[in-house]
């Protein structure tokens, strides 16, 4: 608690406590990747669908249809593109999204991909009590396991919004990794109050997220800032730089953003480029986190 103090009045033990509560530990950067590969590509897709609207406490009919496009059109196009390039990926799914269409997590798992927890209804964790957050985390994991037949080992906070309790609760629940934080562009171990949690962080960043560049909103008013060509150029530069470093390039995409005819080719071209290199491991976040922990 900050006791209503202005930040310039915070005593050192208070601001240090905030900084050290959740912190990056050891960098987990292997010298190589499975199969003798030089670098790794970690593709992820957030299947927010209708919960993108409902998680904000809204239910506008048109916005729900926009989310429905993600499940009806976006996910099938993504799965087809991944299959075309024999690539595995991770799909982070709010439990309510899975309950709306229980066949979707089964199709994703059946195609050889990973499903991970992405909240109950895409709710922001910082608005929850510790008890509420723990309950929703466990219910979400159990729902996805029941529907998809695969026990999730990865967690991504909706909105990448973490409460003071999130990382501790995720570790206590037995997850293997989190992918909501931004302290590095290599995997790293997560510390809580200076103590290793056992969790691997597969870090995200806004610069590697399609929605930052391509999302349309009326409220708040946001418009696409770049073309699909521009976004591909950014993703390719991130990927090529990761390859030069022998690291991992992690990307976040959304079926209701990337799934359009004029945009799905971003994913297609990225995978074509990655396969042409011949030295890139394209794996699920779970596989990359496990390998980084063991070999980092």
C-alpha atoms as a PDB file:
ATOM      1  CA  UNK A   1       0.000   0.000   0.000  1.00  0.00           C
ATOM      2  CA  UNK A   2       1.148   3.547  -0.762  1.00  0.00           C
ATOM      3  CA  UNK A   3      -0.978   5.187   1.976  1.00  0.00           C
ATOM      4  CA  UNK A   4      -2.017   7.993  -0.363  1.00  0.00           C
ATOM      5  CA  UNK A   5       1.503   9.409  -0.548  1.00  0.00           C
ATOM      6  CA  UNK A   6       2.743  11.106  -3.684  1.00  0.00           C
ATOM      7  CA  UNK A   7       5.474   8.986  -5.308  1.00  0.00           C
ATOM      8  CA  UNK A   8       8.146  11.592  -4.620  1.00  0.00           C
ATOM      9  CA  UNK A   9       7.375  11.110  -0.928  1.00  0.00           C
ATOM     10  CA  UNK A  10       7.704   7.334  -0.922  1.00  0.00           C
ATOM     11  CA  UNK A  11      10.405   6.132   1.486  1.00  0.00           C
ATOM     12  CA  UNK A  12      13.154   3.982  -0.008  1.00  0.00           C
ATOM     13  CA  UNK A  13      11.873   0.746   1.522  1.00  0.00           C
ATOM     14  CA  UNK A  14       8.507   1.312  -0.202  1.00  0.00           C
ATOM     15  CA  UNK A  15       9.766   1.962  -3.731  1.00  0.00           C
ATOM     16  CA  UNK A  16      12.366  -0.772  -3.417  1.00  0.00           C
ATOM     17  CA  UNK A  17       9.629  -3.135  -2.290  1.00  0.00           C
ATOM     18  CA  UNK A  18       7.591  -2.385  -5.391  1.00  0.00           C
ATOM     19  CA  UNK A  19      10.581  -2.859  -7.700  1.00  0.00           C
ATOM     20  CA  UNK A  20      11.747  -6.094  -6.074  1.00  0.00           C
ATOM     21  CA  UNK A  21       8.350  -7.741  -5.615  1.00  0.00           C
ATOM     22  CA  UNK A  22       8.474  -9.452  -9.029  1.00  0.00           C
ATOM     23  CA  UNK A  23      11.830  -9.289 -10.764  1.00  0.00           C
ATOM     24  CA  UNK A  24      13.774 -10.938 -13.555  1.00  0.00           C
ATOM     25  CA  UNK A  25      16.292 -13.484 -12.352  1.00  0.00           C
ATOM     26  CA  UNK A  26      18.781 -15.491 -14.356  1.00  0.00           C
ATOM     27  CA  UNK A  27      18.604 -15.098 -18.124  1.00  0.00           C
ATOM     28  CA  UNK A  28      17.795 -18.463 -19.716  1.00  0.00           C
ATOM     29  CA  UNK A  29      19.507 -18.203 -23.091  1.00  0.00           C
ATOM     30  CA  UNK A  30      20.739 -21.569 -24.421  1.00  0.00           C
ATOM     31  CA  UNK A  31      23.753 -21.717 -26.723  1.00  0.00           C
ATOM     32  CA  UNK A  32      21.570 -23.609 -29.217  1.00  0.00           C
ATOM     33  CA  UNK A  33      18.059 -24.911 -29.679  1.00  0.00           C
ATOM     34  CA  UNK A  34      16.520 -28.356 -30.331  1.00  0.00           C
ATOM     35  CA  UNK A  35      17.649 -30.132 -33.459  1.00  0.00           C
ATOM     36  CA  UNK A  36      20.866 -28.164 -33.632  1.00  0.00           C
ATOM     37  CA  UNK A  37      18.968 -24.992 -34.520  1.00  0.00           C
ATOM     38  CA  UNK A  38      20.599 -21.607 -34.028  1.00  0.00           C
ATOM     39  CA  UNK A  39      17.483 -19.686 -32.979  1.00  0.00           C
ATOM     40  CA  UNK A  40      13.866 -20.196 -31.914  1.00  0.00           C
ATOM     41  CA  UNK A  41      10.534 -18.753 -33.025  1.00  0.00           C
ATOM     42  CA  UNK A  42       7.682 -18.737 -30.505  1.00  0.00           C
ATOM     43  CA  UNK A  43       4.335 -17.911 -32.138  1.00  0.00           C
ATOM     44  CA  UNK A  44       1.312 -17.209 -29.968  1.00  0.00           C
ATOM     45  CA  UNK A  45      -2.318 -16.385 -30.642  1.00  0.00           C
ATOM     46  CA  UNK A  46      -4.660 -14.847 -28.063  1.00  0.00           C
ATOM     47  CA  UNK A  47      -8.157 -16.231 -28.708  1.00  0.00           C
ATOM     48  CA  UNK A  48      -9.988 -13.420 -26.929  1.00  0.00           C
ATOM     49  CA  UNK A  49     -12.897 -13.555 -29.383  1.00  0.00           C
ATOM     50  CA  UNK A  50     -16.117 -12.343 -27.722  1.00  0.00           C
ATOM     51  CA  UNK A  51     -14.397 -11.909 -24.353  1.00  0.00           C
ATOM     52  CA  UNK A  52     -12.411  -8.977 -25.719  1.00  0.00           C
ATOM     53  CA  UNK A  53     -15.701  -7.080 -25.386  1.00  0.00           C
ATOM     54  CA  UNK A  54     -17.215  -8.876 -22.402  1.00  0.00           C
ATOM     55  CA  UNK A  55     -14.091  -8.728 -20.266  1.00  0.00           C
ATOM     56  CA  UNK A  56     -14.468  -4.951 -20.314  1.00  0.00           C
ATOM     57  CA  UNK A  57     -18.019  -5.317 -18.964  1.00  0.00           C
ATOM     58  CA  UNK A  58     -19.607  -4.579 -22.348  1.00  0.00           C
ATOM     59  CA  UNK A  59     -21.789  -6.540 -24.735  1.00  0.00           C
ATOM     60  CA  UNK A  60     -22.251  -4.480 -27.903  1.00  0.00           C
ATOM     61  CA  UNK A  61     -23.701  -6.764 -30.576  1.00  0.00           C
ATOM     62  CA  UNK A  62     -21.363  -5.586 -33.323  1.00  0.00           C
ATOM     63  CA  UNK A  63     -18.283  -5.971 -31.135  1.00  0.00           C
ATOM     64  CA  UNK A  64     -19.307  -9.506 -30.187  1.00  0.00           C
ATOM     65  CA  UNK A  65     -19.607 -10.295 -33.901  1.00  0.00           C
ATOM     66  CA  UNK A  66     -16.086  -8.958 -34.397  1.00  0.00           C
ATOM     67  CA  UNK A  67     -14.881 -11.429 -31.801  1.00  0.00           C
ATOM     68  CA  UNK A  68     -16.890 -14.158 -33.499  1.00  0.00           C
ATOM     69  CA  UNK A  69     -14.969 -13.473 -36.711  1.00  0.00           C
ATOM     70  CA  UNK A  70     -11.832 -14.458 -34.823  1.00  0.00           C
ATOM     71  CA  UNK A  71     -13.193 -17.909 -34.025  1.00  0.00           C
ATOM     72  CA  UNK A  72     -15.135 -18.527 -37.269  1.00  0.00           C
ATOM     73  CA  UNK A  73     -12.525 -17.252 -39.709  1.00  0.00           C
ATOM     74  CA  UNK A  74      -9.316 -16.192 -37.985  1.00  0.00           C
ATOM     75  CA  UNK A  75      -8.450 -19.390 -36.113  1.00  0.00           C
ATOM     76  CA  UNK A  76      -9.117 -21.698 -39.103  1.00  0.00           C
ATOM     77  CA  UNK A  77      -6.904 -19.518 -41.319  1.00  0.00           C
ATOM     78  CA  UNK A  78      -4.175 -19.524 -38.684  1.00  0.00           C
ATOM     79  CA  UNK A  79      -4.351 -23.312 -38.280  1.00  0.00           C
ATOM     80  CA  UNK A  80      -4.200 -23.778 -42.055  1.00  0.00           C
ATOM     81  CA  UNK A  81      -1.151 -21.516 -42.301  1.00  0.00           C
ATOM     82  CA  UNK A  82       0.649 -23.261 -39.457  1.00  0.00           C
ATOM     83  CA  UNK A  83      -0.104 -26.640 -41.049  1.00  0.00           C
ATOM     84  CA  UNK A  84       1.229 -25.419 -44.393  1.00  0.00           C
ATOM     85  CA  UNK A  85       4.609 -24.743 -42.776  1.00  0.00           C
ATOM     86  CA  UNK A  86       4.569 -27.654 -40.279  1.00  0.00           C
ATOM     87  CA  UNK A  87       4.834 -25.163 -37.428  1.00  0.00           C
ATOM     88  CA  UNK A  88       3.688 -25.517 -33.833  1.00  0.00           C
ATOM     89  CA  UNK A  89       2.311 -22.601 -31.828  1.00  0.00           C
ATOM     90  CA  UNK A  90       0.619 -21.663 -28.554  1.00  0.00           C
ATOM     91  CA  UNK A  91      -2.973 -20.459 -28.239  1.00  0.00           C
ATOM     92  CA  UNK A  92      -3.939 -18.563 -25.072  1.00  0.00           C
ATOM     93  CA  UNK A  93      -7.675 -18.845 -24.470  1.00  0.00           C
ATOM     94  CA  UNK A  94      -9.992 -17.215 -21.928  1.00  0.00           C
ATOM     95  CA  UNK A  95     -12.121 -19.982 -20.438  1.00  0.00           C
ATOM     96  CA  UNK A  96     -15.377 -18.338 -21.530  1.00  0.00           C
ATOM     97  CA  UNK A  97     -14.097 -18.277 -25.121  1.00  0.00           C
ATOM     98  CA  UNK A  98     -13.592 -22.028 -24.859  1.00  0.00           C
ATOM     99  CA  UNK A  99     -17.034 -22.541 -23.320  1.00  0.00           C
ATOM    100  CA  UNK A 100     -18.696 -20.645 -26.185  1.00  0.00           C
ATOM    101  CA  UNK A 101     -17.223 -23.095 -28.707  1.00  0.00           C
ATOM    102  CA  UNK A 102     -15.793 -26.194 -26.968  1.00  0.00           C
ATOM    103  CA  UNK A 103     -14.699 -27.626 -30.306  1.00  0.00           C
ATOM    104  CA  UNK A 104     -12.095 -24.883 -30.749  1.00  0.00           C
ATOM    105  CA  UNK A 105      -9.631 -25.980 -28.031  1.00  0.00           C
ATOM    106  CA  UNK A 106     -10.067 -29.585 -29.193  1.00  0.00           C
ATOM    107  CA  UNK A 107      -9.261 -28.602 -32.782  1.00  0.00           C
ATOM    108  CA  UNK A 108      -6.205 -26.634 -31.668  1.00  0.00           C
ATOM    109  CA  UNK A 109      -4.836 -29.468 -29.536  1.00  0.00           C
ATOM    110  CA  UNK A 110      -5.710 -32.003 -32.219  1.00  0.00           C
ATOM    111  CA  UNK A 111      -3.587 -30.053 -34.693  1.00  0.00           C
ATOM    112  CA  UNK A 112      -0.561 -30.426 -32.416  1.00  0.00           C
ATOM    113  CA  UNK A 113      -0.572 -27.031 -30.729  1.00  0.00           C
ATOM    114  CA  UNK A 114      -0.563 -25.884 -27.121  1.00  0.00           C
ATOM    115  CA  UNK A 115      -3.386 -24.173 -25.241  1.00  0.00           C
ATOM    116  CA  UNK A 116      -2.694 -21.888 -22.288  1.00  0.00           C
ATOM    117  CA  UNK A 117      -4.687 -19.905 -19.730  1.00  0.00           C
ATOM    118  CA  UNK A 118      -5.657 -16.331 -20.613  1.00  0.00           C
ATOM    119  CA  UNK A 119      -8.078 -15.468 -17.835  1.00  0.00           C
ATOM    120  CA  UNK A 120     -11.682 -16.471 -17.276  1.00  0.00           C
ATOM    121  CA  UNK A 121     -13.434 -13.794 -19.352  1.00  0.00           C
ATOM    122  CA  UNK A 122     -10.384 -11.647 -20.231  1.00  0.00           C
ATOM    123  CA  UNK A 123     -10.690  -9.790 -16.933  1.00  0.00           C
ATOM    124  CA  UNK A 124      -7.889  -7.493 -15.709  1.00  0.00           C
ATOM    125  CA  UNK A 125      -6.190  -9.161 -12.743  1.00  0.00           C
ATOM    126  CA  UNK A 126      -5.444  -5.896 -10.958  1.00  0.00           C
ATOM    127  CA  UNK A 127      -9.187  -5.447 -10.318  1.00  0.00           C
ATOM    128  CA  UNK A 128      -9.476  -8.760  -8.435  1.00  0.00           C
ATOM    129  CA  UNK A 129      -9.002  -9.752  -4.816  1.00  0.00           C
ATOM    130  CA  UNK A 130      -6.459 -12.485  -4.171  1.00  0.00           C
ATOM    131  CA  UNK A 131      -9.259 -14.988  -3.526  1.00  0.00           C
ATOM    132  CA  UNK A 132     -11.057 -14.060  -6.734  1.00  0.00           C
ATOM    133  CA  UNK A 133      -7.895 -14.255  -8.794  1.00  0.00           C
ATOM    134  CA  UNK A 134      -6.925 -17.657  -7.385  1.00  0.00           C
ATOM    135  CA  UNK A 135     -10.401 -19.047  -8.029  1.00  0.00           C
ATOM    136  CA  UNK A 136     -10.548 -17.776 -11.616  1.00  0.00           C
ATOM    137  CA  UNK A 137      -7.031 -19.024 -12.366  1.00  0.00           C
ATOM    138  CA  UNK A 138      -7.861 -22.553 -11.213  1.00  0.00           C
ATOM    139  CA  UNK A 139     -11.292 -22.592 -12.844  1.00  0.00           C
ATOM    140  CA  UNK A 140      -9.819 -21.394 -16.124  1.00  0.00           C
ATOM    141  CA  UNK A 141      -7.097 -24.050 -16.143  1.00  0.00           C
ATOM    142  CA  UNK A 142      -9.546 -26.812 -15.219  1.00  0.00           C
ATOM    143  CA  UNK A 143     -12.055 -25.703 -17.869  1.00  0.00           C
ATOM    144  CA  UNK A 144      -9.433 -25.675 -20.623  1.00  0.00           C
ATOM    145  CA  UNK A 145      -8.146 -29.083 -19.544  1.00  0.00           C
ATOM    146  CA  UNK A 146     -11.656 -30.543 -19.596  1.00  0.00           C
ATOM    147  CA  UNK A 147     -12.526 -29.093 -22.997  1.00  0.00           C
ATOM    148  CA  UNK A 148      -9.176 -29.449 -24.751  1.00  0.00           C
ATOM    149  CA  UNK A 149      -7.909 -32.653 -23.194  1.00  0.00           C
ATOM    150  CA  UNK A 150      -4.563 -30.995 -22.443  1.00  0.00           C
ATOM    151  CA  UNK A 151      -3.595 -29.593 -19.041  1.00  0.00           C
ATOM    152  CA  UNK A 152      -2.337 -26.035 -19.535  1.00  0.00           C
ATOM    153  CA  UNK A 153       1.159 -25.381 -18.213  1.00  0.00           C
ATOM    154  CA  UNK A 154       1.395 -21.786 -19.445  1.00  0.00           C
ATOM    155  CA  UNK A 155      -0.262 -18.589 -18.251  1.00  0.00           C
ATOM    156  CA  UNK A 156      -0.756 -15.257 -19.968  1.00  0.00           C
ATOM    157  CA  UNK A 157      -2.572 -12.521 -18.058  1.00  0.00           C
ATOM    158  CA  UNK A 158      -5.377 -10.837 -19.961  1.00  0.00           C
ATOM    159  CA  UNK A 159      -4.229  -7.380 -21.093  1.00  0.00           C
ATOM    160  CA  UNK A 160      -0.819  -8.450 -19.700  1.00  0.00           C
ATOM    161  CA  UNK A 161      -2.249  -6.993 -16.494  1.00  0.00           C
ATOM    162  CA  UNK A 162      -0.763  -8.519 -13.340  1.00  0.00           C
ATOM    163  CA  UNK A 163      -1.801  -7.904  -9.770  1.00  0.00           C
ATOM    164  CA  UNK A 164       0.682  -8.043  -6.910  1.00  0.00           C
ATOM    165  CA  UNK A 165      -0.457 -11.637  -6.407  1.00  0.00           C
ATOM    166  CA  UNK A 166      -0.441 -12.976  -9.971  1.00  0.00           C
ATOM    167  CA  UNK A 167       3.032 -14.482 -10.274  1.00  0.00           C
ATOM    168  CA  UNK A 168       2.882 -16.079  -6.836  1.00  0.00           C
ATOM    169  CA  UNK A 169      -0.536 -17.590  -7.573  1.00  0.00           C
ATOM    170  CA  UNK A 170       0.598 -18.887 -10.970  1.00  0.00           C
ATOM    171  CA  UNK A 171       3.639 -20.536  -9.365  1.00  0.00           C
ATOM    172  CA  UNK A 172       1.587 -21.996  -6.512  1.00  0.00           C
ATOM    173  CA  UNK A 173      -0.857 -23.472  -9.033  1.00  0.00           C
ATOM    174  CA  UNK A 174       1.962 -25.467 -10.620  1.00  0.00           C
ATOM    175  CA  UNK A 175       2.243 -23.730 -13.979  1.00  0.00           C
ATOM    176  CA  UNK A 176       5.592 -24.110 -15.744  1.00  0.00           C
ATOM    177  CA  UNK A 177       5.839 -20.671 -17.300  1.00  0.00           C
ATOM    178  CA  UNK A 178       4.297 -17.220 -17.604  1.00  0.00           C
ATOM    179  CA  UNK A 179       4.211 -15.061 -20.708  1.00  0.00           C
ATOM    180  CA  UNK A 180       2.929 -11.660 -19.601  1.00  0.00           C
ATOM    181  CA  UNK A 181       6.061  -9.669 -18.741  1.00  0.00           C
ATOM    182  CA  UNK A 182       8.674  -7.602 -20.547  1.00  0.00           C
ATOM    183  CA  UNK A 183      12.010  -7.489 -18.674  1.00  0.00           C
ATOM    184  CA  UNK A 184      14.031  -9.115 -21.477  1.00  0.00           C
ATOM    185  CA  UNK A 185      13.665 -10.534 -24.966  1.00  0.00           C
ATOM    186  CA  UNK A 186      15.276 -13.820 -23.875  1.00  0.00           C
ATOM    187  CA  UNK A 187      13.572 -16.233 -21.510  1.00  0.00           C
ATOM    188  CA  UNK A 188      14.365 -15.703 -17.840  1.00  0.00           C
ATOM    189  CA  UNK A 189      13.529 -17.052 -14.425  1.00  0.00           C
ATOM    190  CA  UNK A 190      10.978 -15.163 -12.344  1.00  0.00           C
ATOM    191  CA  UNK A 191      11.774 -14.044  -8.814  1.00  0.00           C
ATOM    192  CA  UNK A 192       9.211 -13.039  -6.215  1.00  0.00           C
ATOM    193  CA  UNK A 193      10.648 -10.967  -3.365  1.00  0.00           C
ATOM    194  CA  UNK A 194      14.096 -12.208  -4.336  1.00  0.00           C
ATOM    195  CA  UNK A 195      13.194 -15.904  -4.283  1.00  0.00           C
ATOM    196  CA  UNK A 196      13.041 -18.042  -7.445  1.00  0.00           C
ATOM    197  CA  UNK A 197       9.465 -19.063  -8.219  1.00  0.00           C
ATOM    198  CA  UNK A 198      10.325 -21.972 -10.505  1.00  0.00           C
ATOM    199  CA  UNK A 199       8.512 -20.184 -13.325  1.00  0.00           C
ATOM    200  CA  UNK A 200      10.135 -19.399 -16.649  1.00  0.00           C
ATOM    201  CA  UNK A 201       9.126 -16.126 -18.277  1.00  0.00           C
ATOM    202  CA  UNK A 202       8.677 -16.224 -22.058  1.00  0.00           C
ATOM    203  CA  UNK A 203       8.571 -12.449 -22.427  1.00  0.00           C
ATOM    204  CA  UNK A 204       6.129 -10.482 -24.536  1.00  0.00           C
ATOM    205  CA  UNK A 205       6.374  -6.901 -25.717  1.00  0.00           C
ATOM    206  CA  UNK A 206       4.061  -4.414 -27.412  1.00  0.00           C
ATOM    207  CA  UNK A 207       6.476  -4.055 -30.311  1.00  0.00           C
ATOM    208  CA  UNK A 208       5.898  -7.737 -31.159  1.00  0.00           C
ATOM    209  CA  UNK A 209       2.085  -7.606 -30.922  1.00  0.00           C
ATOM    210  CA  UNK A 210      -0.133  -7.249 -34.005  1.00  0.00           C
ATOM    211  CA  UNK A 211      -2.909  -5.395 -32.152  1.00  0.00           C
ATOM    212  CA  UNK A 212      -0.663  -2.415 -31.377  1.00  0.00           C
ATOM    213  CA  UNK A 213      -0.391  -1.646 -35.081  1.00  0.00           C
ATOM    214  CA  UNK A 214      -3.614  -3.006 -36.577  1.00  0.00           C
ATOM    215  CA  UNK A 215      -6.437  -2.768 -34.019  1.00  0.00           C
ATOM    216  CA  UNK A 216      -9.505  -0.604 -34.672  1.00  0.00           C
ATOM    217  CA  UNK A 217     -11.578   0.822 -31.813  1.00  0.00           C
ATOM    218  CA  UNK A 218     -14.327   3.410 -31.559  1.00  0.00           C
ATOM    219  CA  UNK A 219     -13.957   3.769 -27.789  1.00  0.00           C
ATOM    220  CA  UNK A 220     -11.280   4.674 -27.018  1.00  0.00           C
ATOM    221  CA  UNK A 221     -10.747   5.941 -30.578  1.00  0.00           C
ATOM    222  CA  UNK A 222      -7.811   4.030 -32.045  1.00  0.00           C
ATOM    223  CA  UNK A 223      -7.043   3.329 -35.663  1.00  0.00           C
ATOM    224  CA  UNK A 224      -4.512   1.088 -37.408  1.00  0.00           C
ATOM    225  CA  UNK A 225      -1.229   2.954 -37.457  1.00  0.00           C
ATOM    226  CA  UNK A 226       0.667   0.793 -39.940  1.00  0.00           C
ATOM    227  CA  UNK A 227      -0.017  -1.303 -43.011  1.00  0.00           C
ATOM    228  CA  UNK A 228       0.330  -5.060 -43.079  1.00  0.00           C
ATOM    229  CA  UNK A 229       3.593  -4.610 -45.001  1.00  0.00           C
ATOM    230  CA  UNK A 230       4.929  -2.391 -42.218  1.00  0.00           C
ATOM    231  CA  UNK A 231       4.005  -4.932 -39.542  1.00  0.00           C
ATOM    232  CA  UNK A 232       5.662  -7.751 -41.454  1.00  0.00           C
ATOM    233  CA  UNK A 233       8.816  -5.632 -41.748  1.00  0.00           C
ATOM    234  CA  UNK A 234       8.902  -5.108 -37.954  1.00  0.00           C
ATOM    235  CA  UNK A 235       8.306  -8.789 -37.226  1.00  0.00           C
ATOM    236  CA  UNK A 236      10.983  -9.836 -39.717  1.00  0.00           C
ATOM    237  CA  UNK A 237      13.507  -7.435 -38.212  1.00  0.00           C
ATOM    238  CA  UNK A 238      12.783  -8.772 -34.736  1.00  0.00           C
ATOM    239  CA  UNK A 239      13.092 -12.327 -36.035  1.00  0.00           C
ATOM    240  CA  UNK A 240      16.297 -11.776 -37.991  1.00  0.00           C
ATOM    241  CA  UNK A 241      17.920  -9.989 -35.058  1.00  0.00           C
ATOM    242  CA  UNK A 242      16.996 -12.890 -32.781  1.00  0.00           C
ATOM    243  CA  UNK A 243      18.573 -15.264 -35.278  1.00  0.00           C
ATOM    244  CA  UNK A 244      21.752 -13.160 -35.371  1.00  0.00           C
ATOM    245  CA  UNK A 245      21.915 -13.363 -31.562  1.00  0.00           C
ATOM    246  CA  UNK A 246      21.001 -17.053 -31.424  1.00  0.00           C
ATOM    247  CA  UNK A 247      17.989 -16.159 -29.303  1.00  0.00           C
ATOM    248  CA  UNK A 248      14.226 -16.502 -29.365  1.00  0.00           C
ATOM    249  CA  UNK A 249      11.739 -14.324 -31.237  1.00  0.00           C
ATOM    250  CA  UNK A 250       8.369 -14.331 -29.486  1.00  0.00           C
ATOM    251  CA  UNK A 251       5.322 -12.896 -31.270  1.00  0.00           C
ATOM    252  CA  UNK A 252       1.716 -12.256 -30.196  1.00  0.00           C
ATOM    253  CA  UNK A 253      -1.158 -12.220 -32.664  1.00  0.00           C
ATOM    254  CA  UNK A 254      -4.943 -12.185 -32.378  1.00  0.00           C
ATOM    255  CA  UNK A 255      -7.291 -14.138 -34.667  1.00  0.00           C
ATOM    256  CA  UNK A 256      -9.670 -11.168 -34.978  1.00  0.00           C
ATOM    257  CA  UNK A 257      -6.740  -8.922 -35.952  1.00  0.00           C
ATOM    258  CA  UNK A 258      -4.396 -11.066 -38.072  1.00  0.00           C
ATOM    259  CA  UNK A 259      -7.103 -13.312 -39.541  1.00  0.00           C
ATOM    260  CA  UNK A 260      -8.199 -11.123 -42.444  1.00  0.00           C
ATOM    261  CA  UNK A 261      -7.328 -11.977 -46.051  1.00  0.00           C
ATOM    262  CA  UNK A 262      -5.093  -8.928 -46.313  1.00  0.00           C
ATOM    263  CA  UNK A 263      -3.218  -9.776 -43.098  1.00  0.00           C
ATOM    264  CA  UNK A 264      -2.916 -13.565 -42.730  1.00  0.00           C
ATOM    265  CA  UNK A 265      -0.126 -13.436 -45.286  1.00  0.00           C
ATOM    266  CA  UNK A 266       2.017 -11.746 -42.596  1.00  0.00           C
ATOM    267  CA  UNK A 267       2.080 -15.071 -40.766  1.00  0.00           C
ATOM    268  CA  UNK A 268       2.524 -17.015 -44.000  1.00  0.00           C
ATOM    269  CA  UNK A 269       5.472 -14.902 -45.132  1.00  0.00           C
ATOM    270  CA  UNK A 270       7.098 -14.940 -41.701  1.00  0.00           C
ATOM    271  CA  UNK A 271       6.957 -18.737 -41.609  1.00  0.00           C
ATOM    272  CA  UNK A 272       8.200 -19.018 -45.188  1.00  0.00           C
ATOM    273  CA  UNK A 273      11.147 -16.814 -44.234  1.00  0.00           C
ATOM    274  CA  UNK A 274      11.851 -18.842 -41.079  1.00  0.00           C
ATOM    275  CA  UNK A 275      11.715 -22.177 -42.896  1.00  0.00           C
ATOM    276  CA  UNK A 276      13.997 -20.861 -45.653  1.00  0.00           C
ATOM    277  CA  UNK A 277      16.733 -20.241 -43.068  1.00  0.00           C
ATOM    278  CA  UNK A 278      16.746 -23.920 -42.123  1.00  0.00           C
ATOM    279  CA  UNK A 279      18.206 -23.344 -38.645  1.00  0.00           C
ATOM    280  CA  UNK A 280      15.182 -22.166 -36.649  1.00  0.00           C
ATOM    281  CA  UNK A 281      13.282 -24.189 -34.047  1.00  0.00           C
ATOM    282  CA  UNK A 282       9.579 -23.282 -34.275  1.00  0.00           C
ATOM    283  CA  UNK A 283       7.954 -24.597 -31.132  1.00  0.00           C
ATOM    284  CA  UNK A 284       5.297 -24.031 -28.531  1.00  0.00           C
ATOM    285  CA  UNK A 285       5.963 -21.717 -25.642  1.00  0.00           C
ATOM    286  CA  UNK A 286       5.900 -24.778 -23.362  1.00  0.00           C
ATOM    287  CA  UNK A 287       8.640 -26.477 -25.364  1.00  0.00           C
ATOM    288  CA  UNK A 288      10.758 -23.336 -25.541  1.00  0.00           C
ATOM    289  CA  UNK A 289      10.341 -22.581 -21.830  1.00  0.00           C
ATOM    290  CA  UNK A 290      11.270 -26.148 -20.863  1.00  0.00           C
ATOM    291  CA  UNK A 291      14.331 -26.189 -23.128  1.00  0.00           C
ATOM    292  CA  UNK A 292      15.488 -22.767 -21.904  1.00  0.00           C
ATOM    293  CA  UNK A 293      15.124 -23.821 -18.269  1.00  0.00           C
ATOM    294  CA  UNK A 294      17.072 -27.031 -18.822  1.00  0.00           C
ATOM    295  CA  UNK A 295      19.790 -25.574 -21.039  1.00  0.00           C
ATOM    296  CA  UNK A 296      19.910 -21.883 -20.166  1.00  0.00           C
END
